[in-house]
């Protein structure tokens, strides 16, 4: 474990001590768990983004071999 010193406004430090006490943790443990959760979320996001970007594009198959027109895409029976 590594010690890190941070400076906080008094009201924030008070709030932090209360939050940590409510969860029966030290301020150090509470902050470590919070930051670990943030790192885990960020890592999962980066993995998901990398997987998504690795997907090769594929051609769409359009009915009758042609793309529908804008009007066909937005045609809604009963509205006109």
N, C-alpha and C. Protein backbone atom coordinates (compact mmCIF):
# COMPACT_ATOMS: atom_id res chain seq x y z
N UNK A 1 0.84 -1.19 0.00
CA UNK A 1 0.00 0.00 0.00
C UNK A 1 0.88 1.24 0.00
N UNK A 2 0.37 2.23 -0.63
CA UNK A 2 1.09 3.49 -0.75
C UNK A 2 0.30 4.57 -0.03
N UNK A 3 0.96 5.41 0.74
CA UNK A 3 0.30 6.53 1.40
C UNK A 3 0.26 7.73 0.47
N UNK A 4 -0.90 8.38 0.43
CA UNK A 4 -1.08 9.58 -0.39
C UNK A 4 -1.74 10.62 0.50
N UNK A 5 -1.23 11.85 0.45
CA UNK A 5 -1.82 12.94 1.22
C UNK A 5 -2.63 13.81 0.29
N UNK A 6 -3.86 14.13 0.70
CA UNK A 6 -4.70 15.03 -0.10
C UNK A 6 -5.21 16.14 0.80
N UNK A 7 -5.47 17.29 0.22
CA UNK A 7 -6.03 18.41 0.96
C UNK A 7 -7.49 18.56 0.54
N UNK A 8 -8.38 18.62 1.53
CA UNK A 8 -9.81 18.76 1.27
C UNK A 8 -10.37 19.94 2.06
N UNK A 9 -11.37 20.59 1.52
CA UNK A 9 -12.06 21.61 2.31
C UNK A 9 -12.66 20.94 3.57
N UNK A 10 -12.76 21.68 4.64
CA UNK A 10 -13.22 21.13 5.91
C UNK A 10 -14.59 20.45 5.81
N UNK A 11 -15.53 21.07 5.10
CA UNK A 11 -16.87 20.48 5.01
C UNK A 11 -16.84 19.17 4.23
N UNK A 12 -16.01 19.07 3.20
CA UNK A 12 -15.89 17.83 2.44
C UNK A 12 -15.23 16.74 3.28
N UNK A 13 -14.21 17.10 4.04
CA UNK A 13 -13.54 16.14 4.91
C UNK A 13 -14.50 15.60 5.96
N UNK A 14 -15.34 16.48 6.52
CA UNK A 14 -16.34 16.07 7.51
C UNK A 14 -17.33 15.08 6.88
N UNK A 15 -17.81 15.43 5.68
CA UNK A 15 -18.75 14.55 4.98
C UNK A 15 -18.12 13.19 4.71
N UNK A 16 -16.86 13.20 4.28
CA UNK A 16 -16.15 11.96 3.98
C UNK A 16 -16.00 11.09 5.22
N UNK A 17 -15.66 11.68 6.34
CA UNK A 17 -15.53 10.90 7.58
C UNK A 17 -16.86 10.27 7.97
N UNK A 18 -17.96 11.01 7.80
CA UNK A 18 -19.29 10.49 8.13
C UNK A 18 -19.64 9.33 7.20
N UNK A 19 -19.43 9.51 5.88
CA UNK A 19 -19.75 8.45 4.92
C UNK A 19 -18.96 7.18 5.22
N UNK A 20 -17.68 7.34 5.49
CA UNK A 20 -16.84 6.17 5.80
C UNK A 20 -17.33 5.49 7.08
N UNK A 21 -17.67 6.27 8.09
CA UNK A 21 -18.14 5.70 9.36
C UNK A 21 -19.47 4.97 9.16
N UNK A 22 -20.36 5.52 8.33
CA UNK A 22 -21.64 4.86 8.07
C UNK A 22 -21.45 3.48 7.47
N UNK A 23 -20.40 3.30 6.72
CA UNK A 23 -20.13 2.00 6.10
C UNK A 23 -19.09 1.20 6.89
N UNK A 24 -18.80 1.67 8.12
CA UNK A 24 -17.87 0.99 9.02
C UNK A 24 -16.49 0.77 8.36
N UNK A 25 -15.99 1.81 7.72
CA UNK A 25 -14.70 1.76 7.05
C UNK A 25 -13.88 2.98 7.46
N UNK A 26 -12.58 2.87 7.28
CA UNK A 26 -11.73 4.05 7.47
C UNK A 26 -11.87 4.93 6.23
N UNK A 27 -11.51 6.18 6.38
CA UNK A 27 -11.55 7.10 5.24
C UNK A 27 -10.64 6.57 4.13
N UNK A 28 -9.49 6.06 4.50
CA UNK A 28 -8.55 5.53 3.53
C UNK A 28 -9.16 4.35 2.77
N UNK A 29 -9.76 3.40 3.49
CA UNK A 29 -10.37 2.22 2.86
C UNK A 29 -11.54 2.63 1.98
N UNK A 30 -12.36 3.59 2.47
CA UNK A 30 -13.54 4.04 1.72
C UNK A 30 -13.11 4.66 0.39
N UNK A 31 -12.11 5.53 0.43
CA UNK A 31 -11.61 6.16 -0.79
C UNK A 31 -10.96 5.14 -1.73
N UNK A 32 -10.21 4.20 -1.17
CA UNK A 32 -9.56 3.17 -2.00
C UNK A 32 -10.61 2.35 -2.74
N UNK A 33 -11.70 1.96 -2.05
CA UNK A 33 -12.75 1.17 -2.69
C UNK A 33 -13.48 2.00 -3.75
N UNK A 34 -13.71 3.26 -3.47
CA UNK A 34 -14.36 4.14 -4.44
C UNK A 34 -13.51 4.26 -5.71
N UNK A 35 -12.23 4.51 -5.54
CA UNK A 35 -11.34 4.67 -6.69
C UNK A 35 -11.16 3.36 -7.45
N UNK A 36 -11.10 2.26 -6.73
CA UNK A 36 -10.99 0.94 -7.38
C UNK A 36 -12.22 0.67 -8.24
N UNK A 37 -13.40 1.03 -7.74
CA UNK A 37 -14.63 0.87 -8.52
C UNK A 37 -14.61 1.73 -9.77
N UNK A 38 -14.12 2.94 -9.66
CA UNK A 38 -14.03 3.83 -10.82
C UNK A 38 -13.06 3.25 -11.85
N UNK A 39 -11.93 2.73 -11.38
CA UNK A 39 -10.96 2.14 -12.30
C UNK A 39 -11.53 0.92 -13.00
N UNK A 40 -12.26 0.09 -12.25
CA UNK A 40 -12.88 -1.11 -12.81
C UNK A 40 -13.88 -0.73 -13.89
N UNK A 41 -14.71 0.28 -13.63
CA UNK A 41 -15.70 0.73 -14.62
C UNK A 41 -15.02 1.26 -15.87
N UNK A 42 -13.97 2.03 -15.69
CA UNK A 42 -13.24 2.59 -16.82
C UNK A 42 -12.59 1.49 -17.65
N UNK A 43 -12.00 0.50 -16.97
CA UNK A 43 -11.36 -0.61 -17.68
C UNK A 43 -12.39 -1.40 -18.48
N UNK A 44 -13.56 -1.66 -17.89
CA UNK A 44 -14.61 -2.39 -18.60
C UNK A 44 -15.08 -1.61 -19.82
N UNK A 45 -15.19 -0.29 -19.69
CA UNK A 45 -15.61 0.54 -20.82
C UNK A 45 -14.59 0.45 -21.95
N UNK A 46 -13.32 0.56 -21.61
CA UNK A 46 -12.27 0.51 -22.63
C UNK A 46 -12.24 -0.84 -23.34
N UNK A 47 -12.42 -1.93 -22.59
CA UNK A 47 -12.46 -3.26 -23.20
C UNK A 47 -13.64 -3.37 -24.15
N UNK A 48 -14.81 -2.90 -23.71
CA UNK A 48 -16.00 -2.96 -24.55
C UNK A 48 -15.81 -2.12 -25.81
N UNK A 49 -15.24 -0.94 -25.68
CA UNK A 49 -15.03 -0.08 -26.85
C UNK A 49 -14.05 -0.74 -27.82
N UNK A 50 -12.99 -1.32 -27.31
CA UNK A 50 -12.02 -1.99 -28.17
C UNK A 50 -12.67 -3.15 -28.92
N UNK A 51 -13.47 -3.95 -28.21
CA UNK A 51 -14.18 -5.07 -28.86
C UNK A 51 -15.10 -4.56 -29.95
N UNK A 52 -15.84 -3.49 -29.67
CA UNK A 52 -16.77 -2.95 -30.65
C UNK A 52 -16.02 -2.46 -31.89
N UNK A 53 -14.91 -1.77 -31.69
CA UNK A 53 -14.16 -1.23 -32.82
C UNK A 53 -13.45 -2.32 -33.63
N UNK A 54 -13.27 -3.50 -33.06
CA UNK A 54 -12.64 -4.61 -33.78
C UNK A 54 -13.61 -5.33 -34.70
N UNK A 55 -14.90 -5.08 -34.55
CA UNK A 55 -15.90 -5.75 -35.39
C UNK A 55 -15.77 -5.22 -36.82
N UNK A 56 -15.66 -6.14 -37.75
CA UNK A 56 -15.55 -5.75 -39.15
C UNK A 56 -16.90 -5.29 -39.67
N UNK A 57 -16.93 -4.22 -40.47
CA UNK A 57 -18.20 -3.79 -41.06
C UNK A 57 -18.70 -4.84 -42.04
N UNK A 58 -20.01 -4.91 -42.19
CA UNK A 58 -20.56 -5.86 -43.15
C UNK A 58 -21.61 -5.16 -43.99
N UNK A 59 -21.79 -5.69 -45.16
CA UNK A 59 -22.76 -5.10 -46.07
C UNK A 59 -24.17 -5.49 -45.67
N UNK A 60 -25.07 -4.54 -45.79
CA UNK A 60 -26.47 -4.81 -45.53
C UNK A 60 -27.11 -5.37 -46.79
N UNK A 61 -28.02 -6.28 -46.62
CA UNK A 61 -28.76 -6.82 -47.76
C UNK A 61 -30.12 -6.16 -47.80
N UNK A 62 -30.33 -5.43 -48.86
CA UNK A 62 -31.59 -4.70 -49.00
C UNK A 62 -32.59 -5.52 -49.79
N UNK A 63 -33.88 -5.43 -49.42
CA UNK A 63 -34.88 -6.16 -50.19
C UNK A 63 -34.90 -5.68 -51.64
N UNK A 64 -35.07 -6.59 -52.55
CA UNK A 64 -35.11 -6.30 -53.98
C UNK A 64 -33.79 -5.71 -54.48
N UNK A 65 -32.73 -5.83 -53.70
CA UNK A 65 -31.42 -5.37 -54.15
C UNK A 65 -31.23 -3.87 -54.20
N UNK A 66 -32.14 -3.09 -53.64
CA UNK A 66 -31.99 -1.63 -53.66
C UNK A 66 -32.30 -1.09 -52.28
N UNK A 67 -31.74 0.07 -52.00
CA UNK A 67 -32.01 0.73 -50.72
C UNK A 67 -33.37 1.40 -50.78
N UNK A 68 -34.08 1.40 -49.65
CA UNK A 68 -35.37 2.09 -49.65
C UNK A 68 -35.17 3.61 -49.71
N UNK A 69 -36.14 4.30 -50.26
CA UNK A 69 -36.07 5.76 -50.32
C UNK A 69 -36.40 6.33 -48.95
N UNK A 70 -36.11 7.59 -48.77
CA UNK A 70 -36.44 8.26 -47.51
C UNK A 70 -37.93 8.18 -47.24
N UNK A 71 -38.72 8.39 -48.26
CA UNK A 71 -40.18 8.35 -48.10
C UNK A 71 -40.64 6.96 -47.67
N UNK A 72 -40.04 5.93 -48.25
CA UNK A 72 -40.41 4.56 -47.87
C UNK A 72 -40.05 4.27 -46.41
N UNK A 73 -38.92 4.77 -45.99
CA UNK A 73 -38.49 4.55 -44.60
C UNK A 73 -39.42 5.22 -43.60
N UNK A 74 -39.94 6.40 -43.98
CA UNK A 74 -40.75 7.17 -43.05
C UNK A 74 -42.24 7.02 -43.28
N UNK A 75 -42.61 6.13 -44.18
CA UNK A 75 -44.01 5.87 -44.48
C UNK A 75 -44.66 5.20 -43.27
N UNK A 76 -45.76 5.78 -42.81
CA UNK A 76 -46.47 5.20 -41.68
C UNK A 76 -47.95 5.12 -42.06
N UNK A 77 -48.43 3.92 -42.24
CA UNK A 77 -49.84 3.77 -42.62
C UNK A 77 -50.75 4.44 -41.59
N UNK A 78 -51.77 5.11 -42.09
CA UNK A 78 -52.74 5.75 -41.22
C UNK A 78 -52.42 7.18 -40.83
N UNK A 79 -51.22 7.64 -41.14
CA UNK A 79 -50.88 9.02 -40.78
C UNK A 79 -51.12 9.98 -41.95
N UNK A 80 -51.31 9.46 -43.14
CA UNK A 80 -51.52 10.34 -44.28
C UNK A 80 -52.83 10.04 -44.94
